[in-house]
PDB file of N, CA and C in Angstrom:
ATOM      1  N   MET A   1     101.630  -5.327 -73.332  1.00  0.00           N
ATOM      2  CA  MET A   1     102.184  -3.599 -73.270  1.00  0.00           C
ATOM      3  C   MET A   1     102.118  -2.466 -74.610  1.00  0.00           C
ATOM      4  N   LEU A   2     103.619  -4.153 -75.104  1.00  0.00           N
ATOM      5  CA  LEU A   2     104.665  -3.242 -75.740  1.00  0.00           C
ATOM      6  C   LEU A   2     103.411  -3.062 -77.476  1.00  0.00           C
ATOM      7  N   ARG A   3     102.770  -4.653 -77.300  1.00  0.00           N
ATOM      8  CA  ARG A   3     102.416  -4.574 -78.537  1.00  0.00           C
ATOM      9  C   ARG A   3     101.627  -3.175 -78.782  1.00  0.00           C
ATOM     10  N   SER A   4     100.541  -3.292 -77.911  1.00  0.00           N
ATOM     11  CA  SER A   4      99.307  -2.083 -77.966  1.00  0.00           C
ATOM     12  C   SER A   4     100.567  -1.362 -78.054  1.00  0.00           C
ATOM     13  N   ALA A   5     101.445  -0.272 -77.285  1.00  0.00           N
ATOM     14  CA  ALA A   5     101.722   0.561 -77.678  1.00  0.00           C
ATOM     15  C   ALA A   5     102.424   0.392 -79.173  1.00  0.00           C
ATOM     16  N   LYS A   6     103.113  -0.040 -79.425  1.00  0.00           N
ATOM     17  CA  LYS A   6     103.493  -0.285 -81.027  1.00  0.00           C
ATOM     18  C   LYS A   6     102.458   0.014 -81.853  1.00  0.00           C
ATOM     19  N   ALA A   7     101.047  -0.332 -81.705  1.00  0.00           N
ATOM     20  CA  ALA A   7      99.540  -0.713 -82.653  1.00  0.00           C
ATOM     21  C   ALA A   7      99.273   1.117 -82.402  1.00  0.00           C
ATOM     22  N   SER A   8      99.836   1.040 -81.257  1.00  0.00           N
ATOM     23  CA  SER A   8      99.060   3.348 -81.047  1.00  0.00           C
ATOM     24  C   SER A   8     100.535   4.218 -81.877  1.00  0.00           C
ATOM     25  N   GLY A   9     101.373   3.157 -82.194  1.00  0.00           N
ATOM     26  CA  GLY A   9     102.180   4.295 -83.456  1.00  0.00           C
ATOM     27  C   GLY A   9     103.536   4.416 -82.276  1.00  0.00           C
ATOM     28  N   LEU A  10     103.402   3.655 -81.037  1.00  0.00           N
ATOM     29  CA  LEU A  10     104.886   4.576 -79.829  1.00  0.00           C
ATOM     30  C   LEU A  10     105.779   3.352 -79.688  1.00  0.00           C
ATOM     31  N   THR A  11     106.803   3.288 -80.246  1.00  0.00           N
ATOM     32  CA  THR A  11     108.164   2.321 -79.769  1.00  0.00           C
ATOM     33  C   THR A  11     107.840   2.532 -77.966  1.00  0.00           C
ATOM     34  N   LEU A  12     107.808   1.770 -77.013  1.00  0.00           N
ATOM     35  CA  LEU A  12     108.385   2.234 -75.214  1.00  0.00           C
ATOM     36  C   LEU A  12     109.737   1.259 -76.073  1.00  0.00           C
ATOM     37  N   ASN A  13     110.964   1.944 -74.630  1.00  0.00           N
ATOM     38  CA  ASN A  13     112.066   1.382 -74.232  1.00  0.00           C
ATOM     39  C   ASN A  13     112.012   1.794 -72.999  1.00  0.00           C
ATOM     40  N   ALA A  14     112.429   0.920 -72.187  1.00  0.00           N
ATOM     41  CA  ALA A  14     112.802   0.808 -71.066  1.00  0.00           C
ATOM     42  C   ALA A  14     114.565   1.266 -71.072  1.00  0.00           C
ATOM     43  N   SER A  15     114.698   1.589 -69.571  1.00  0.00           N
ATOM     44  CA  SER A  15     115.841   2.360 -69.281  1.00  0.00           C
ATOM     45  C   SER A  15     116.102   1.288 -68.952  1.00  0.00           C
ATOM     46  N   SER A  16     115.159   0.830 -67.627  1.00  0.00           N
ATOM     47  CA  SER A  16     116.038  -0.248 -65.817  1.00  0.00           C
ATOM     48  C   SER A  16     114.741  -1.197 -66.612  1.00  0.00           C
ATOM     49  N   ALA A  17     115.397  -2.869 -66.079  1.00  0.00           N
ATOM     50  CA  ALA A  17     113.623  -3.166 -66.119  1.00  0.00           C
ATOM     51  C   ALA A  17     114.726  -4.426 -64.866  1.00  0.00           C
ATOM     52  N   PHE A  18     114.637  -5.540 -65.015  1.00  0.00           N
ATOM     53  CA  PHE A  18     115.191  -6.498 -63.975  1.00  0.00           C
ATOM     54  C   PHE A  18     116.255  -5.882 -64.016  1.00  0.00           C
ATOM     55  N   ARG A  19     117.114  -6.302 -62.098  1.00  0.00           N
ATOM     56  CA  ARG A  19     118.074  -6.435 -61.792  1.00  0.00           C
ATOM     57  C   ARG A  19     118.713  -7.647 -61.199  1.00  0.00           C
ATOM     58  N   THR A  20     119.623  -7.925 -60.594  1.00  0.00           N
ATOM     59  CA  THR A  20     120.210  -8.903 -59.787  1.00  0.00           C
ATOM     60  C   THR A  20     120.324  -7.715 -59.134  1.00  0.00           C
ATOM     61  N   MET A  21     121.440  -8.964 -57.925  1.00  0.00           N
ATOM     62  CA  MET A  21     121.469  -7.887 -56.748  1.00  0.00           C
ATOM     63  C   MET A  21     122.637  -7.336 -56.761  1.00  0.00           C
ATOM     64  N   ALA A  22     123.848  -8.133 -57.125  1.00  0.00           N
ATOM     65  CA  ALA A  22     124.494  -6.755 -57.840  1.00  0.00           C
ATOM     66  C   ALA A  22     124.556  -6.061 -58.334  1.00  0.00           C
ATOM     67  N   HIS A  23     123.921  -6.292 -59.417  1.00  0.00           N
ATOM     68  CA  HIS A  23     123.145  -4.794 -59.733  1.00  0.00           C
ATOM     69  C   HIS A  23     122.619  -3.540 -58.808  1.00  0.00           C
ATOM     70  N   GLN A  24     121.816  -4.343 -58.417  1.00  0.00           N
ATOM     71  CA  GLN A  24     121.428  -3.381 -57.130  1.00  0.00           C
ATOM     72  C   GLN A  24     122.356  -2.923 -55.916  1.00  0.00           C
ATOM     73  N   GLN A  25     123.432  -3.597 -55.852  1.00  0.00           N
ATOM     74  CA  GLN A  25     124.118  -3.383 -54.769  1.00  0.00           C
ATOM     75  C   GLN A  25     124.884  -2.720 -55.802  1.00  0.00           C
ATOM     76  N   ALA A  26     125.744  -2.467 -56.726  1.00  0.00           N
ATOM     77  CA  ALA A  26     126.416  -1.317 -56.824  1.00  0.00           C
ATOM     78  C   ALA A  26     125.061   0.358 -57.184  1.00  0.00           C
ATOM     79  N   LEU A  27     124.125  -0.506 -57.665  1.00  0.00           N
ATOM     80  CA  LEU A  27     123.262   1.193 -57.438  1.00  0.00           C
ATOM     81  C   LEU A  27     123.481   1.830 -56.167  1.00  0.00           C
ATOM     82  N   CYS A  28     123.460   0.962 -55.275  1.00  0.00           N
ATOM     83  CA  CYS A  28     123.805   1.173 -53.381  1.00  0.00           C
ATOM     84  C   CYS A  28     125.297   2.198 -53.615  1.00  0.00           C
ATOM     85  N   ASN A  29     125.545   0.832 -54.015  1.00  0.00           N
ATOM     86  CA  ASN A  29     127.766   1.367 -53.561  1.00  0.00           C
ATOM     87  C   ASN A  29     127.919   2.773 -53.797  1.00  0.00           C
ATOM     88  N   ALA A  30     127.040   3.803 -55.121  1.00  0.00           N
ATOM     89  CA  ALA A  30     127.603   4.372 -55.697  1.00  0.00           C
ATOM     90  C   ALA A  30     126.631   5.859 -55.519  1.00  0.00           C
ATOM     91  N   ASN A  31     125.162   5.189 -54.257  1.00  0.00           N
ATOM     92  CA  ASN A  31     124.993   6.511 -54.258  1.00  0.00           C
ATOM     93  C   ASN A  31     125.559   6.748 -52.345  1.00  0.00           C
ATOM     94  N   SER A  32     125.087   7.733 -52.345  1.00  0.00           N
ATOM     95  CA  SER A  32     125.969   8.247 -50.147  1.00  0.00           C
ATOM     96  C   SER A  32     125.384   8.083 -50.116  1.00  0.00           C
ATOM     97  N   LEU A  33     124.075   8.526 -50.187  1.00  0.00           N
ATOM     98  CA  LEU A  33     123.072   8.113 -49.260  1.00  0.00           C
ATOM     99  C   LEU A  33     122.234   6.023 -48.913  1.00  0.00           C
ATOM    100  N   CYS A  34     122.882   5.648 -50.292  1.00  0.00           N
ATOM    101  CA  CYS A  34     122.330   4.278 -49.871  1.00  0.00           C
ATOM    102  C   CYS A  34     123.439   3.607 -49.105  1.00  0.00           C
ATOM    103  N   ARG A  35     125.245   4.502 -49.512  1.00  0.00           N
ATOM    104  CA  ARG A  35     125.817   3.471 -48.907  1.00  0.00           C
ATOM    105  C   ARG A  35     125.836   3.853 -47.520  1.00  0.00           C
ATOM    106  N   GLN A  36     125.077   4.759 -47.130  1.00  0.00           N
ATOM    107  CA  GLN A  36     124.991   4.847 -45.118  1.00  0.00           C
ATOM    108  C   GLN A  36     123.968   5.086 -44.124  1.00  0.00           C
ATOM    109  N   GLY A  37     123.094   4.163 -45.759  1.00  0.00           N
ATOM    110  CA  GLY A  37     121.497   3.801 -45.243  1.00  0.00           C
ATOM    111  C   GLY A  37     119.910   4.146 -45.089  1.00  0.00           C
ATOM    112  N   ASN A  38     120.464   4.806 -46.168  1.00  0.00           N
ATOM    113  CA  ASN A  38     118.983   6.537 -46.425  1.00  0.00           C
ATOM    114  C   ASN A  38     118.629   5.664 -47.801  1.00  0.00           C
ATOM    115  N   TYR A  39     117.708   4.473 -47.780  1.00  0.00           N
ATOM    116  CA  TYR A  39     117.206   4.211 -49.120  1.00  0.00           C
ATOM    117  C   TYR A  39     116.432   4.796 -49.255  1.00  0.00           C
ATOM    118  N   SER A  40     116.143   6.263 -48.845  1.00  0.00           N
ATOM    119  CA  SER A  40     115.292   7.458 -50.274  1.00  0.00           C
ATOM    120  C   SER A  40     115.438   6.928 -50.909  1.00  0.00           C
ATOM    121  N   ARG A  41     116.723   6.564 -52.538  1.00  0.00           N
ATOM    122  CA  ARG A  41     116.808   7.409 -53.425  1.00  0.00           C
ATOM    123  C   ARG A  41     117.195   5.965 -54.416  1.00  0.00           C
ATOM    124  N   VAL A  42     117.614   5.591 -53.544  1.00  0.00           N
ATOM    125  CA  VAL A  42     118.403   3.618 -53.844  1.00  0.00           C
ATOM    126  C   VAL A  42     117.452   2.609 -53.377  1.00  0.00           C
ATOM    127  N   ALA A  43     117.102   1.989 -53.394  1.00  0.00           N
ATOM    128  CA  ALA A  43     116.656   0.591 -52.436  1.00  0.00           C
ATOM    129  C   ALA A  43     117.245  -0.090 -51.630  1.00  0.00           C
ATOM    130  N   ARG A  44     116.761  -0.685 -50.945  1.00  0.00           N
ATOM    131  CA  ARG A  44     117.727  -1.206 -50.374  1.00  0.00           C
ATOM    132  C   ARG A  44     117.701  -2.137 -51.562  1.00  0.00           C
ATOM    133  N   PRO A  45     119.024  -2.521 -51.141  1.00  0.00           N
ATOM    134  CA  PRO A  45     119.559  -4.394 -52.256  1.00  0.00           C
ATOM    135  C   PRO A  45     118.227  -5.614 -51.920  1.00  0.00           C
ATOM    136  N   GLY A  46     117.801  -6.111 -52.458  1.00  0.00           N
ATOM    137  CA  GLY A  46     117.129  -7.196 -51.894  1.00  0.00           C
ATOM    138  C   GLY A  46     115.785  -7.066 -52.001  1.00  0.00           C
ATOM    139  N   THR A  47     114.688  -5.270 -52.255  1.00  0.00           N
ATOM    140  CA  THR A  47     113.703  -5.056 -51.948  1.00  0.00           C
ATOM    141  C   THR A  47     113.923  -4.618 -53.244  1.00  0.00           C
ATOM    142  N   SER A  48     114.371  -4.161 -54.060  1.00  0.00           N
ATOM    143  CA  SER A  48     114.487  -3.304 -55.111  1.00  0.00           C
ATOM    144  C   SER A  48     113.236  -4.248 -55.651  1.00  0.00           C
ATOM    145  N   ASN A  49     112.760  -3.135 -56.629  1.00  0.00           N
ATOM    146  CA  ASN A  49     111.018  -4.197 -57.183  1.00  0.00           C
ATOM    147  C   ASN A  49     111.494  -4.732 -58.590  1.00  0.00           C
ATOM    148  N   HIS A  50     112.432  -4.476 -58.893  1.00  0.00           N
ATOM    149  CA  HIS A  50     113.353  -4.228 -60.194  1.00  0.00           C
ATOM    150  C   HIS A  50     114.176  -5.412 -60.063  1.00  0.00           C
ATOM    151  N   GLN A  51     114.415  -6.007 -58.758  1.00  0.00           N
ATOM    152  CA  GLN A  51     114.865  -7.051 -58.532  1.00  0.00           C
ATOM    153  C   GLN A  51     113.588  -8.189 -58.973  1.00  0.00           C
ATOM    154  N   MET A  52     112.568  -7.991 -58.013  1.00  0.00           N
ATOM    155  CA  MET A  52     111.805  -9.027 -58.441  1.00  0.00           C
ATOM    156  C   MET A  52     111.310  -8.883 -59.889  1.00  0.00           C
ATOM    157  N   GLY A  53     111.651  -8.427 -60.822  1.00  0.00           N
ATOM    158  CA  GLY A  53     110.714  -8.522 -61.780  1.00  0.00           C
ATOM    159  C   GLY A  53     109.777  -7.404 -61.750  1.00  0.00           C
ATOM    160  N   LEU A  54     108.884  -7.166 -60.807  1.00  0.00           N
ATOM    161  CA  LEU A  54     107.669  -6.242 -61.000  1.00  0.00           C
ATOM    162  C   LEU A  54     107.540  -4.527 -61.099  1.00  0.00           C
ATOM    163  N   ALA A  55     109.269  -4.351 -61.904  1.00  0.00           N
ATOM    164  CA  ALA A  55     109.184  -3.018 -62.644  1.00  0.00           C
ATOM    165  C   ALA A  55     109.858  -2.719 -63.754  1.00  0.00           C
ATOM    166  N   ILE A  56     109.646  -1.796 -64.460  1.00  0.00           N
ATOM    167  CA  ILE A  56     110.153  -0.445 -65.083  1.00  0.00           C
ATOM    168  C   ILE A  56     110.411   0.794 -65.642  1.00  0.00           C
ATOM    169  N   ASP A  57     111.756   0.575 -65.509  1.00  0.00           N
ATOM    170  CA  ASP A  57     112.063   2.680 -65.545  1.00  0.00           C
ATOM    171  C   ASP A  57     111.380   2.607 -67.201  1.00  0.00           C
ATOM    172  N   PHE A  58     110.617   3.452 -67.976  1.00  0.00           N
ATOM    173  CA  PHE A  58     110.539   3.821 -69.225  1.00  0.00           C
ATOM    174  C   PHE A  58     111.616   4.846 -69.492  1.00  0.00           C
ATOM    175  N   ALA A  59     112.242   5.070 -70.459  1.00  0.00           N
ATOM    176  CA  ALA A  59     113.209   5.903 -71.178  1.00  0.00           C
ATOM    177  C   ALA A  59     111.652   6.546 -71.936  1.00  0.00           C
ATOM    178  N   GLY A  60     112.354   7.884 -71.222  1.00  0.00           N
ATOM    179  CA  GLY A  60     111.504   8.853 -73.062  1.00  0.00           C
ATOM    180  C   GLY A  60     110.484  10.090 -72.224  1.00  0.00           C
ATOM    181  N   ILE A  61     110.092   9.688 -71.564  1.00  0.00           N
ATOM    182  CA  ILE A  61     110.013  10.634 -70.183  1.00  0.00           C
ATOM    183  C   ILE A  61     109.867  11.956 -69.475  1.00  0.00           C
ATOM    184  N   ASP A  62     109.198  12.650 -69.652  1.00  0.00           N
ATOM    185  CA  ASP A  62     110.097  14.017 -68.940  1.00  0.00           C
ATOM    186  C   ASP A  62     110.096  14.117 -68.426  1.00  0.00           C
ATOM    187  N   SER A  63     110.829  14.848 -67.709  1.00  0.00           N
ATOM    188  CA  SER A  63     111.984  14.539 -65.887  1.00  0.00           C
ATOM    189  C   SER A  63     110.442  15.404 -65.169  1.00  0.00           C
ATOM    190  N   SER A  64     109.667  16.161 -66.029  1.00  0.00           N
ATOM    191  CA  SER A  64     109.420  17.087 -63.867  1.00  0.00           C
ATOM    192  C   SER A  64     107.359  16.285 -64.410  1.00  0.00           C
ATOM    193  N   ALA A  65     107.601  15.351 -64.836  1.00  0.00           N
ATOM    194  CA  ALA A  65     106.102  14.639 -65.225  1.00  0.00           C
ATOM    195  C   ALA A  65     105.714  13.789 -63.773  1.00  0.00           C
ATOM    196  N   GLY A  66     104.359  13.960 -63.365  1.00  0.00           N
ATOM    197  CA  GLY A  66     104.072  14.631 -61.986  1.00  0.00           C
ATOM    198  C   GLY A  66     103.444  13.394 -62.467  1.00  0.00           C
ATOM    199  N   CYS A  67     102.509  12.427 -62.041  1.00  0.00           N
ATOM    200  CA  CYS A  67     101.178  11.762 -61.258  1.00  0.00           C
ATOM    201  C   CYS A  67     100.126  12.940 -62.369  1.00  0.00           C
ATOM    202  N   ALA A  68      99.825  13.730 -62.887  1.00  0.00           N
ATOM    203  CA  ALA A  68      98.439  14.288 -63.889  1.00  0.00           C
ATOM    204  C   ALA A  68      98.874  15.455 -63.800  1.00  0.00           C
ATOM    205  N   ASN A  69     100.922  15.857 -64.529  1.00  0.00           N
ATOM    206  CA  ASN A  69     101.170  16.459 -65.278  1.00  0.00           C
ATOM    207  C   ASN A  69     102.355  15.915 -66.366  1.00  0.00           C
ATOM    208  N   GLY A  70     102.259  15.293 -66.481  1.00  0.00           N
ATOM    209  CA  GLY A  70     103.442  15.177 -67.466  1.00  0.00           C
ATOM    210  C   GLY A  70     103.120  15.335 -69.060  1.00  0.00           C
ATOM    211  N   SER A  71     104.416  15.085 -70.014  1.00  0.00           N
ATOM    212  CA  SER A  71     103.648  15.652 -71.143  1.00  0.00           C
ATOM    213  C   SER A  71     104.638  14.392 -72.087  1.00  0.00           C
ATOM    214  N   GLY A  72     104.410  14.689 -73.276  1.00  0.00           N
ATOM    215  CA  GLY A  72     104.949  13.635 -73.987  1.00  0.00           C
ATOM    216  C   GLY A  72     104.202  12.539 -74.424  1.00  0.00           C
ATOM    217  N   PRO A  73     105.074  11.826 -75.344  1.00  0.00           N
ATOM    218  CA  PRO A  73     103.848  10.614 -76.421  1.00  0.00           C
ATOM    219  C   PRO A  73     103.900   9.866 -75.366  1.00  0.00           C
ATOM    220  N   THR A  74     104.910   9.533 -73.986  1.00  0.00           N
ATOM    221  CA  THR A  74     105.674   8.327 -73.929  1.00  0.00           C
ATOM    222  C   THR A  74     104.334   7.682 -72.204  1.00  0.00           C
ATOM    223  N   TRP A  75     104.977   8.966 -71.810  1.00  0.00           N
ATOM    224  CA  TRP A  75     104.064   9.276 -70.537  1.00  0.00           C
ATOM    225  C   TRP A  75     102.498   9.298 -70.612  1.00  0.00           C
ATOM    226  N   ARG A  76     102.365   9.749 -71.538  1.00  0.00           N
ATOM    227  CA  ARG A  76     100.522  10.016 -72.092  1.00  0.00           C
ATOM    228  C   ARG A  76      99.830   8.866 -72.084  1.00  0.00           C
ATOM    229  N   TRP A  77     100.761   8.127 -73.079  1.00  0.00           N
ATOM    230  CA  TRP A  77     100.626   6.960 -73.547  1.00  0.00           C
ATOM    231  C   TRP A  77     100.552   5.452 -72.514  1.00  0.00           C
ATOM    232  N   LEU A  78     101.148   5.750 -71.651  1.00  0.00           N
ATOM    233  CA  LEU A  78     101.424   4.881 -69.626  1.00  0.00           C
ATOM    234  C   LEU A  78      99.649   5.794 -69.859  1.00  0.00           C
ATOM    235  N   ARG A  79     100.285   6.950 -69.586  1.00  0.00           N
ATOM    236  CA  ARG A  79      98.930   7.289 -67.897  1.00  0.00           C
ATOM    237  C   ARG A  79      98.322   6.449 -68.395  1.00  0.00           C
ATOM    238  N   THR A  80      97.537   6.608 -69.851  1.00  0.00           N
ATOM    239  CA  THR A  80      96.868   6.749 -71.089  1.00  0.00           C
ATOM    240  C   THR A  80      95.595   5.052 -70.119  1.00  0.00           C
ATOM    241  N   ASN A  81      97.267   4.184 -70.104  1.00  0.00           N
ATOM    242  CA  ASN A  81      96.927   2.247 -70.693  1.00  0.00           C
ATOM    243  C   ASN A  81      97.625   1.603 -70.067  1.00  0.00           C
ATOM    244  N   ALA A  82      98.374   2.695 -68.581  1.00  0.00           N
ATOM    245  CA  ALA A  82      99.452   1.140 -68.648  1.00  0.00           C
ATOM    246  C   ALA A  82      98.659   0.902 -67.156  1.00  0.00           C
ATOM    247  N   ALA A  83      97.456   0.998 -67.142  1.00  0.00           N
ATOM    248  CA  ALA A  83      96.455   0.465 -65.741  1.00  0.00           C
ATOM    249  C   ALA A  83      95.644  -1.119 -66.896  1.00  0.00           C
ATOM    250  N   ARG A  84      95.446  -1.249 -67.567  1.00  0.00           N
ATOM    251  CA  ARG A  84      94.563  -2.531 -68.055  1.00  0.00           C
ATOM    252  C   ARG A  84      96.127  -3.413 -67.904  1.00  0.00           C
ATOM    253  N   PHE A  85      97.025  -2.873 -67.528  1.00  0.00           N
ATOM    254  CA  PHE A  85      98.395  -3.480 -68.117  1.00  0.00           C
ATOM    255  C   PHE A  85      98.865  -4.584 -66.946  1.00  0.00           C
ATOM    256  N   GLY A  86      98.171  -3.503 -66.245  1.00  0.00           N
ATOM    257  CA  GLY A  86      98.630  -3.631 -64.238  1.00  0.00           C
ATOM    258  C   GLY A  86      99.897  -2.893 -63.697  1.00  0.00           C
ATOM    259  N   PHE A  87     100.044  -1.185 -64.500  1.00  0.00           N
ATOM    260  CA  PHE A  87     101.230  -0.799 -64.234  1.00  0.00           C
ATOM    261  C   PHE A  87     100.760   0.291 -64.251  1.00  0.00           C
ATOM    262  N   HIS A  88     101.084   0.771 -62.253  1.00  0.00           N
ATOM    263  CA  HIS A  88     101.155   2.130 -62.292  1.00  0.00           C
ATOM    264  C   HIS A  88     102.433   2.798 -61.920  1.00  0.00           C
ATOM    265  N   GLN A  89     102.349   3.890 -62.170  1.00  0.00           N
ATOM    266  CA  GLN A  89     103.418   4.904 -61.877  1.00  0.00           C
ATOM    267  C   GLN A  89     103.833   5.191 -60.827  1.00  0.00           C
ATOM    268  N   TYR A  90     105.037   5.243 -59.649  1.00  0.00           N
ATOM    269  CA  TYR A  90     105.521   5.404 -58.917  1.00  0.00           C
ATOM    270  C   TYR A  90     105.556   6.744 -58.337  1.00  0.00           C
ATOM    271  N   ARG A  91     104.751   7.023 -57.663  1.00  0.00           N
ATOM    272  CA  ARG A  91     104.578   8.567 -57.096  1.00  0.00           C
ATOM    273  C   ARG A  91     105.987   9.710 -57.045  1.00  0.00           C
ATOM    274  N   ASN A  92     107.231   8.976 -56.517  1.00  0.00           N
ATOM    275  CA  ASN A  92     108.372  10.046 -56.515  1.00  0.00           C
ATOM    276  C   ASN A  92     109.120   9.862 -57.303  1.00  0.00           C
ATOM    277  N   GLU A  93     108.979   8.107 -58.651  1.00  0.00           N
ATOM    278  CA  GLU A  93     109.781   8.865 -59.709  1.00  0.00           C
ATOM    279  C   GLU A  93     109.146   8.241 -60.993  1.00  0.00           C
ATOM    280  N   HIS A  94     108.823   9.731 -61.802  1.00  0.00           N
ATOM    281  CA  HIS A  94     107.835  10.002 -62.460  1.00  0.00           C
ATOM    282  C   HIS A  94     108.430   8.683 -63.986  1.00  0.00           C
ATOM    283  N   TRP A  95     109.291   7.848 -63.719  1.00  0.00           N
ATOM    284  CA  TRP A  95     109.764   6.899 -64.655  1.00  0.00           C
ATOM    285  C   TRP A  95     109.696   5.655 -64.338  1.00  0.00           C
ATOM    286  N   HIS A  96     109.707   5.475 -63.334  1.00  0.00           N
ATOM    287  CA  HIS A  96     109.926   3.987 -62.679  1.00  0.00           C
ATOM    288  C   HIS A  96     107.777   3.246 -61.947  1.00  0.00           C
ATOM    289  N   TRP A  97     106.947   2.564 -63.008  1.00  0.00           N
ATOM    290  CA  TRP A  97     106.356   1.500 -63.439  1.00  0.00           C
ATOM    291  C   TRP A  97     106.013   0.807 -62.976  1.00  0.00           C
ATOM    292  N   ASP A  98     104.967   0.808 -62.128  1.00  0.00           N
ATOM    293  CA  ASP A  98     105.259  -1.523 -61.751  1.00  0.00           C
ATOM    294  C   ASP A  98     104.200  -1.670 -61.321  1.00  0.00           C
ATOM    295  N   VAL A  99     103.630  -2.340 -60.656  1.00  0.00           N
ATOM    296  CA  VAL A  99     102.330  -3.964 -60.721  1.00  0.00           C
ATOM    297  C   VAL A  99     101.731  -3.052 -59.306  1.00  0.00           C
ATOM    298  N   LEU A 100     102.141  -2.338 -58.500  1.00  0.00           N
ATOM    299  CA  LEU A 100     102.348  -2.762 -56.803  1.00  0.00           C
ATOM    300  C   LEU A 100     101.059  -0.959 -57.614  1.00  0.00           C
ATOM    301  N   SER A 101     100.236  -1.538 -56.043  1.00  0.00           N
ATOM    302  CA  SER A 101      99.038  -0.199 -56.821  1.00  0.00           C
ATOM    303  C   SER A 101      98.899   0.203 -55.818  1.00  0.00           C
ATOM    304  N   ASP A 102      99.518   0.193 -54.135  1.00  0.00           N
ATOM    305  CA  ASP A 102      99.289   1.338 -53.016  1.00  0.00           C
ATOM    306  C   ASP A 102      99.451   3.309 -52.676  1.00  0.00           C
ATOM    307  N   SER A 103      99.666   2.531 -52.237  1.00  0.00           N
ATOM    308  CA  SER A 103      98.307   5.077 -52.094  1.00  0.00           C
ATOM    309  C   SER A 103     100.763   5.447 -52.237  1.00  0.00           C
ATOM    310  N   THR A 104     101.309   4.927 -52.861  1.00  0.00           N
ATOM    311  CA  THR A 104     102.796   5.840 -53.530  1.00  0.00           C
ATOM    312  C   THR A 104     102.876   5.536 -54.593  1.00  0.00           C
ATOM    313  N   ARG A 105     101.992   4.732 -55.488  1.00  0.00           N
ATOM    314  CA  ARG A 105     101.487   4.237 -56.580  1.00  0.00           C
ATOM    315  C   ARG A 105     100.427   6.397 -57.413  1.00  0.00           C
ATOM    316  N   CYS A 106     100.268   6.515 -58.395  1.00  0.00           N
ATOM    317  CA  CYS A 106      99.675   7.543 -59.290  1.00  0.00           C
ATOM    318  C   CYS A 106      97.587   6.817 -59.876  1.00  0.00           C
TER     319      CYS A 106
END
């Protein structure tokens, strides 16, 4: 996917990819909801797609990007091409793309 984007003149940059258990636990500890057992904003340690190596958070995506209304070259390229490589946008986090294909994906 990276080579294909590069051939199109776009360099994809990840803001987060694989996470260790310690990293996911630190993210949870830093989030008050997660610390209280509410995993709506941060995945429960041990269940994150990042920990399983299945997810990438991409940098450079407009903060208002939804399933169909994103903007900017990174979002447009991913929306058009990522599925060819098995990646789908997570409906609740515009920057998060992973290999799952279910109702929570665009």
